[in-house]
Amino acid sequence: PPEARDIIRLIARGGPFPYRQDGVVFENRERLLPSRSSGYYHEYTVETPGSPDRGARRIITGGQGELYYTDDHYASFRRVVP
């Protein structure tokens, strides 16, 4: 969605991000992403129009520049090619 493209641009610029949780370590507890050491992944909120809270959409970044998108709060991921 266009909101994900907006966040990807913010990530590339280093912010500023709309939520204080943006940039926190994503632990990959679901084990759906490739296994990496703690601190390798970070998560960022993708705005959900009409949602009263952060919603379920996120961009996950990896330490080597890879990007993943989830719109179901970590139940599934899609690799993003910028």
Protein backbone atom coordinates (compact mmCIF):
# COMPACT_ATOMS: atom_id res chain seq x y z
CA PRO A 1 0.00 0.00 0.00
CA PRO A 2 1.09 3.63 -0.45
CA GLU A 3 1.52 3.99 3.31
CA ALA A 4 4.20 1.26 3.23
CA ARG A 5 6.11 3.17 0.55
CA ASP A 6 5.97 6.26 2.80
CA ILE A 7 7.53 4.34 5.71
CA ILE A 8 10.19 2.80 3.47
CA ARG A 9 11.19 6.32 2.43
CA LEU A 10 11.33 7.40 6.10
CA ILE A 11 13.48 4.38 6.95
CA ALA A 12 15.91 5.30 4.16
CA ARG A 13 16.12 8.87 5.53
CA GLY A 14 16.42 7.75 9.15
CA GLY A 15 13.10 9.25 10.26
CA PRO A 16 11.44 11.01 11.91
CA PHE A 17 8.92 8.26 12.59
CA PRO A 18 5.32 8.77 13.67
CA TYR A 19 5.31 6.22 16.54
CA ARG A 20 7.75 5.91 19.43
CA GLN A 21 7.81 2.13 18.90
CA ASP A 22 9.16 2.53 15.36
CA GLY A 23 12.66 1.15 15.06
CA VAL A 24 12.45 -1.24 18.02
CA VAL A 25 13.99 -4.69 17.73
CA PHE A 26 11.70 -7.28 16.15
CA GLU A 27 12.37 -10.63 17.82
CA ASN A 28 10.97 -12.91 15.06
CA ARG A 29 9.20 -15.04 17.70
CA GLU A 30 6.92 -16.43 15.01
CA ARG A 31 10.04 -17.77 13.23
CA LEU A 32 8.61 -16.90 9.83
CA LEU A 33 11.61 -14.82 8.79
CA PRO A 34 15.09 -16.29 8.33
CA SER A 35 16.73 -17.03 11.68
CA ARG A 36 19.15 -14.28 12.71
CA SER A 37 20.67 -13.06 15.97
CA SER A 38 18.70 -10.80 18.30
CA GLY A 39 18.83 -7.21 17.14
CA TYR A 40 19.06 -8.09 13.45
CA TYR A 41 15.45 -7.14 12.66
CA HIS A 42 13.62 -3.88 13.45
CA GLU A 43 9.97 -2.99 12.99
CA TYR A 44 8.15 0.10 11.77
CA THR A 45 4.44 0.93 11.77
CA VAL A 46 2.62 1.24 8.46
CA GLU A 47 -0.34 3.58 8.91
CA THR A 48 -3.76 1.97 8.52
CA PRO A 49 -6.29 4.59 7.41
CA GLY A 50 -9.28 4.65 9.74
CA SER A 51 -7.61 2.59 12.46
CA PRO A 52 -7.90 4.02 15.98
CA ASP A 53 -4.49 2.55 16.93
CA ARG A 54 -1.27 1.44 15.21
CA GLY A 55 -3.14 -1.28 13.34
CA ALA A 56 -1.62 -4.56 12.15
CA ARG A 57 0.61 -3.41 9.30
CA ARG A 58 4.40 -3.29 9.69
CA ILE A 59 7.62 -3.10 7.74
CA ILE A 60 10.40 -5.26 9.16
CA THR A 61 13.97 -4.38 8.22
CA GLY A 62 16.93 -6.72 8.31
CA GLY A 63 20.53 -5.87 9.06
CA GLN A 64 21.58 -6.34 5.42
CA GLY A 65 18.89 -4.02 4.05
CA GLU A 66 16.16 -6.55 3.38
CA LEU A 67 12.53 -5.45 3.89
CA TYR A 68 9.45 -7.47 4.78
CA TYR A 69 5.80 -6.40 4.96
CA THR A 70 3.04 -7.84 7.13
CA ASP A 71 -0.57 -6.71 7.12
CA ASP A 72 -1.77 -9.30 9.64
CA HIS A 73 0.41 -8.49 12.67
CA TYR A 74 3.19 -11.01 12.02
CA ALA A 75 1.04 -13.98 10.90
CA SER A 76 2.62 -13.76 7.44
CA PHE A 77 5.30 -11.75 5.63
CA ARG A 78 6.08 -10.73 2.08
CA ARG A 79 9.54 -9.68 0.93
CA VAL A 80 9.57 -6.11 -0.37
CA VAL A 81 11.72 -5.14 -3.33
CA PRO A 82 12.16 -1.36 -3.19
